[in-house]
Amino acid sequence: MGMKKKLFPRKGMKGKEKDMTITQVKRFTRQLGLRAKNHQKRAEIARQNAKIALQRGEKDRAKNYLIQYKSYQIKVDRSNNIRAKFDRQIEALEEGESIALSGKFMTQIRDELKIIATRASPEKIAEVAEDTDLYVSEIEEAGDILAGDPEIDLGLDVTDMLNQLETEMLLDASGGVGVNIPTGGDVLEYISDIDLDLEAEGTASKAKLEEEIEKLRKELEE
């Protein structure tokens, strides 16, 4: 019961608190998007390295790179799924505000109808009652937007993926289409993802600076 009250409090957030929450959630989902993009880059590098390992005759290392590839893909899916859920919640919050305002107007109309009921026709009263029920149904249906998370498959068996990658390389070779892979001498070199760490640090610093600026702006407004 206590958890239910925390998740679904009876009193809504105040306007300023709600706006701040929406701003924070949107900033968070933007960071999730950047994180997913970074994981996707790492996944592609791991898959490219798996091809290089096969060309070097290092089949076990190719499997390890494919495991990295699939692990990063799982992280991409997880970040995107969390982001999608928060997007639905923000949409529900904004839509719920409009529905709540409509409910307020309906209450005012209902009170006015009580005063003029003696002058209103039964057909009109029935119509208003029907509209009121419609708004109540719409408010209840708004909760459906917050439905469940998709299930993520965490299996890491990459045998089929390895066979598929070998087939893909054979097709590329037979078609004369070379793989764009950097080389060093006669031995193919693996691709480094160190630069991605530097890119992630820069993105985190920029996000932190934006947060500090937003905090200072709100303090000045108070």
Protein backbone atom coordinates (compact mmCIF):
# COMPACT_ATOMS: atom_id res chain seq x y z
CA MET A 1 0.00 0.00 0.00
CA GLY A 2 2.88 2.37 0.87
CA MET A 3 4.57 1.72 -2.49
CA LYS A 4 1.29 2.38 -4.30
CA LYS A 5 0.99 5.76 -2.59
CA LYS A 6 4.52 6.63 -3.67
CA LEU A 7 3.90 5.65 -7.28
CA PHE A 8 0.40 7.09 -7.52
CA PRO A 9 0.07 9.97 -5.02
CA ARG A 10 -3.39 11.46 -4.70
CA LYS A 11 -2.13 15.03 -4.86
CA GLY A 12 -0.46 16.03 -8.11
CA MET A 13 2.80 17.95 -8.39
CA LYS A 14 2.74 21.72 -8.32
CA GLY A 15 3.26 23.51 -11.61
CA LYS A 16 6.89 24.48 -11.00
CA GLU A 17 7.78 21.06 -9.60
CA LYS A 18 6.12 19.32 -12.55
CA ASP A 19 7.96 21.47 -15.10
CA MET A 20 11.29 20.78 -13.36
CA THR A 21 10.57 17.04 -13.36
CA ILE A 22 9.75 17.07 -17.07
CA THR A 23 12.96 19.01 -17.80
CA GLN A 24 15.07 16.56 -15.78
CA VAL A 25 13.48 13.51 -17.41
CA LYS A 26 13.95 14.93 -20.92
CA ARG A 27 17.62 15.62 -20.12
CA PHE A 28 17.96 12.06 -18.83
CA THR A 29 16.38 10.53 -21.93
CA ARG A 30 18.70 12.62 -24.11
CA GLN A 31 21.66 11.15 -22.21
CA LEU A 32 20.21 7.66 -22.73
CA GLY A 33 20.07 8.37 -26.45
CA LEU A 34 23.74 9.43 -26.49
CA ARG A 35 24.64 6.33 -24.48
CA ALA A 36 22.79 4.08 -26.95
CA LYS A 37 24.59 5.79 -29.85
CA ASN A 38 27.95 5.18 -28.18
CA HIS A 39 27.14 1.50 -27.56
CA GLN A 40 26.05 1.13 -31.20
CA LYS A 41 29.42 2.48 -32.39
CA ARG A 42 31.24 0.03 -30.13
CA ALA A 43 29.06 -2.80 -31.40
CA GLU A 44 29.94 -2.03 -35.03
CA ILE A 45 33.65 -1.86 -34.16
CA ALA A 46 33.42 -5.25 -32.40
CA ARG A 47 31.72 -6.79 -35.46
CA GLN A 48 34.36 -5.32 -37.78
CA ASN A 49 37.07 -6.72 -35.52
CA ALA A 50 35.38 -10.14 -35.73
CA LYS A 51 35.82 -10.01 -39.52
CA ILE A 52 39.46 -9.03 -39.09
CA ALA A 53 40.00 -11.92 -36.67
CA LEU A 54 38.57 -14.38 -39.22
CA GLN A 55 40.89 -13.02 -41.92
CA ARG A 56 43.79 -13.50 -39.50
CA GLY A 57 42.65 -17.08 -38.87
CA GLU A 58 41.77 -16.35 -35.23
CA LYS A 59 38.34 -17.96 -34.99
CA ASP A 60 38.13 -18.00 -31.16
CA ARG A 61 38.94 -14.30 -31.04
CA ALA A 62 36.28 -13.67 -33.67
CA LYS A 63 33.72 -15.37 -31.40
CA ASN A 64 34.80 -13.16 -28.50
CA TYR A 65 34.35 -10.05 -30.63
CA LEU A 66 30.89 -11.23 -31.66
CA ILE A 67 30.01 -11.73 -28.00
CA GLN A 68 31.07 -8.11 -27.43
CA TYR A 69 28.96 -7.10 -30.40
CA LYS A 70 25.86 -8.81 -29.06
CA SER A 71 26.45 -7.47 -25.52
CA TYR A 72 26.60 -3.91 -26.85
CA GLN A 73 23.44 -4.51 -28.90
CA ILE A 74 21.65 -5.61 -25.71
CA LYS A 75 22.77 -2.39 -24.02
CA VAL A 76 21.49 -0.39 -26.99
CA ASP A 77 18.09 -2.12 -26.76
CA ARG A 78 17.93 -1.61 -23.00
CA SER A 79 18.71 2.12 -23.25
CA ASN A 80 16.19 2.58 -26.05
CA ASN A 81 13.49 0.69 -24.15
CA ILE A 82 14.01 2.77 -20.99
CA ARG A 83 13.98 5.93 -23.08
CA ALA A 84 10.75 4.89 -24.81
CA LYS A 85 9.05 4.23 -21.46
CA PHE A 86 9.97 7.65 -20.11
CA ASP A 87 8.80 9.24 -23.36
CA ARG A 88 5.41 7.55 -22.90
CA GLN A 89 5.24 8.76 -19.30
CA ILE A 90 6.02 12.36 -20.27
CA GLU A 91 3.38 12.20 -22.99
CA ALA A 92 0.90 10.80 -20.45
CA LEU A 93 1.75 13.58 -17.99
CA GLU A 94 1.25 16.30 -20.60
CA GLU A 95 -1.89 14.67 -21.97
CA GLY A 96 -3.22 14.09 -18.46
CA GLU A 97 -2.89 17.83 -17.78
CA SER A 98 -5.21 18.55 -20.69
CA ILE A 99 -7.64 15.86 -19.57
CA ALA A 100 -7.62 17.21 -16.00
CA LEU A 101 -8.33 20.72 -17.31
CA SER A 102 -11.20 19.34 -19.35
CA GLY A 103 -12.53 17.64 -16.21
CA LYS A 104 -12.38 20.96 -14.37
CA PHE A 105 -14.41 22.64 -17.09
CA MET A 106 -16.92 19.79 -17.00
CA THR A 107 -17.30 20.25 -13.24
CA GLN A 108 -18.00 23.95 -13.69
CA ILE A 109 -20.54 23.18 -16.39
CA ARG A 110 -22.19 20.56 -14.18
CA ASP A 111 -22.54 23.06 -11.30
CA GLU A 112 -24.06 25.63 -13.63
CA LEU A 113 -26.48 23.03 -14.94
CA LYS A 114 -27.65 22.38 -11.39
CA ILE A 115 -28.73 26.01 -11.18
CA ILE A 116 -30.55 26.09 -14.50
CA ALA A 117 -31.86 22.52 -14.37
CA THR A 118 -35.44 23.75 -14.07
CA ARG A 119 -35.02 25.55 -17.39
CA ALA A 120 -33.07 22.79 -19.15
CA SER A 121 -34.72 20.11 -21.21
CA PRO A 122 -34.34 16.43 -20.22
CA GLU A 123 -32.61 15.80 -23.55
CA LYS A 124 -29.97 18.42 -22.74
CA ILE A 125 -29.37 17.00 -19.28
CA ALA A 126 -28.95 13.50 -20.75
CA GLU A 127 -26.47 14.83 -23.31
CA VAL A 128 -24.34 16.51 -20.64
CA ALA A 129 -24.39 13.34 -18.51
CA GLU A 130 -23.20 11.32 -21.51
CA ASP A 131 -20.38 13.77 -22.17
CA THR A 132 -19.33 13.61 -18.51
CA ASP A 133 -19.11 9.82 -18.69
CA LEU A 134 -17.00 10.15 -21.85
CA TYR A 135 -14.47 12.39 -20.10
CA VAL A 136 -14.28 10.00 -17.15
CA SER A 137 -13.57 7.11 -19.56
CA GLU A 138 -10.85 9.13 -21.30
CA ILE A 139 -9.17 9.87 -17.97
CA GLU A 140 -9.19 6.15 -17.09
CA GLU A 141 -7.84 5.19 -20.51
CA ALA A 142 -4.94 7.63 -20.11
CA GLY A 143 -3.40 5.18 -17.63
CA ASP A 144 -3.05 2.55 -20.35
CA ILE A 145 -0.17 4.54 -21.82
CA LEU A 146 2.01 3.42 -18.91
CA ALA A 147 1.87 -0.28 -19.88
CA GLY A 148 4.87 -2.71 -19.47
CA ASP A 149 8.40 -3.02 -20.72
CA PRO A 150 9.42 -5.21 -23.66
CA GLU A 151 11.42 -8.31 -22.63
CA ILE A 152 15.10 -8.35 -23.59
CA ASP A 153 16.75 -11.58 -24.71
CA LEU A 154 20.02 -11.94 -22.81
CA GLY A 155 21.29 -15.10 -24.58
CA LEU A 156 24.87 -14.76 -25.84
CA ASP A 157 25.24 -17.82 -28.12
CA VAL A 158 26.89 -16.40 -31.25
CA THR A 159 27.61 -19.61 -33.18
CA ASP A 160 24.96 -18.84 -35.81
CA MET A 161 26.17 -15.25 -36.05
CA LEU A 162 29.75 -16.48 -36.61
CA ASN A 163 28.63 -18.76 -39.44
CA GLN A 164 26.62 -15.91 -40.95
CA LEU A 165 29.64 -13.60 -40.76
CA GLU A 166 31.87 -16.17 -42.48
CA THR A 167 29.27 -16.55 -45.24
CA GLU A 168 29.06 -12.78 -45.62
CA MET A 169 32.85 -12.53 -46.02
CA LEU A 170 32.87 -15.30 -48.64
CA LEU A 171 30.15 -13.49 -50.60
CA ASP A 172 32.10 -10.22 -50.36
CA ALA A 173 35.24 -11.95 -51.63
CA SER A 174 33.48 -13.70 -54.51
CA GLY A 175 31.79 -10.47 -55.57
CA GLY A 176 34.98 -8.52 -55.56
CA VAL A 177 33.72 -6.20 -52.85
CA GLY A 178 36.51 -5.56 -50.39
CA VAL A 179 36.01 -4.82 -46.70
CA ASN A 180 37.23 -1.35 -45.75
CA ILE A 181 39.67 -2.40 -42.99
CA PRO A 182 42.80 -0.47 -41.95
CA THR A 183 46.00 -2.48 -42.25
CA GLY A 184 49.54 -2.24 -40.92
CA GLY A 185 52.04 -4.08 -43.09
CA ASP A 186 51.02 -7.63 -43.97
CA VAL A 187 49.01 -8.17 -40.77
CA LEU A 188 45.52 -6.74 -40.41
CA GLU A 189 45.21 -4.43 -37.40
CA TYR A 190 42.22 -4.31 -35.04
CA ILE A 191 40.17 -1.12 -34.74
CA SER A 192 40.52 0.82 -31.49
CA ASP A 193 37.54 2.32 -29.66
CA ILE A 194 39.61 4.51 -27.33
CA ASP A 195 38.43 7.66 -29.10
CA LEU A 196 34.87 6.78 -28.10
CA ASP A 197 35.85 7.10 -24.42
CA LEU A 198 37.13 10.62 -25.07
CA GLU A 199 33.92 11.44 -26.95
CA ALA A 200 31.81 10.12 -24.05
CA GLU A 201 33.79 12.22 -21.54
CA GLY A 202 33.22 15.33 -23.65
CA THR A 203 29.50 14.61 -23.87
CA ALA A 204 29.26 14.09 -20.09
CA SER A 205 31.08 17.38 -19.41
CA LYS A 206 28.75 19.25 -21.77
CA ALA A 207 25.67 17.72 -20.10
CA LYS A 208 27.02 18.69 -16.65
CA LEU A 209 27.59 22.28 -17.81
CA GLU A 210 24.04 22.49 -19.19
CA GLU A 211 22.69 21.22 -15.86
CA GLU A 212 24.63 23.86 -13.89
CA ILE A 213 23.41 26.63 -16.20
CA GLU A 214 19.80 25.43 -15.82
CA LYS A 215 20.17 25.32 -12.03
CA LEU A 216 21.59 28.87 -11.93
CA ARG A 217 18.78 30.14 -14.18
CA LYS A 218 16.10 28.71 -11.89
CA GLU A 219 17.80 30.22 -8.82
CA LEU A 220 17.77 33.66 -10.46
CA GLU A 221 14.07 33.29 -11.27
CA GLU A 222 13.15 32.58 -7.65
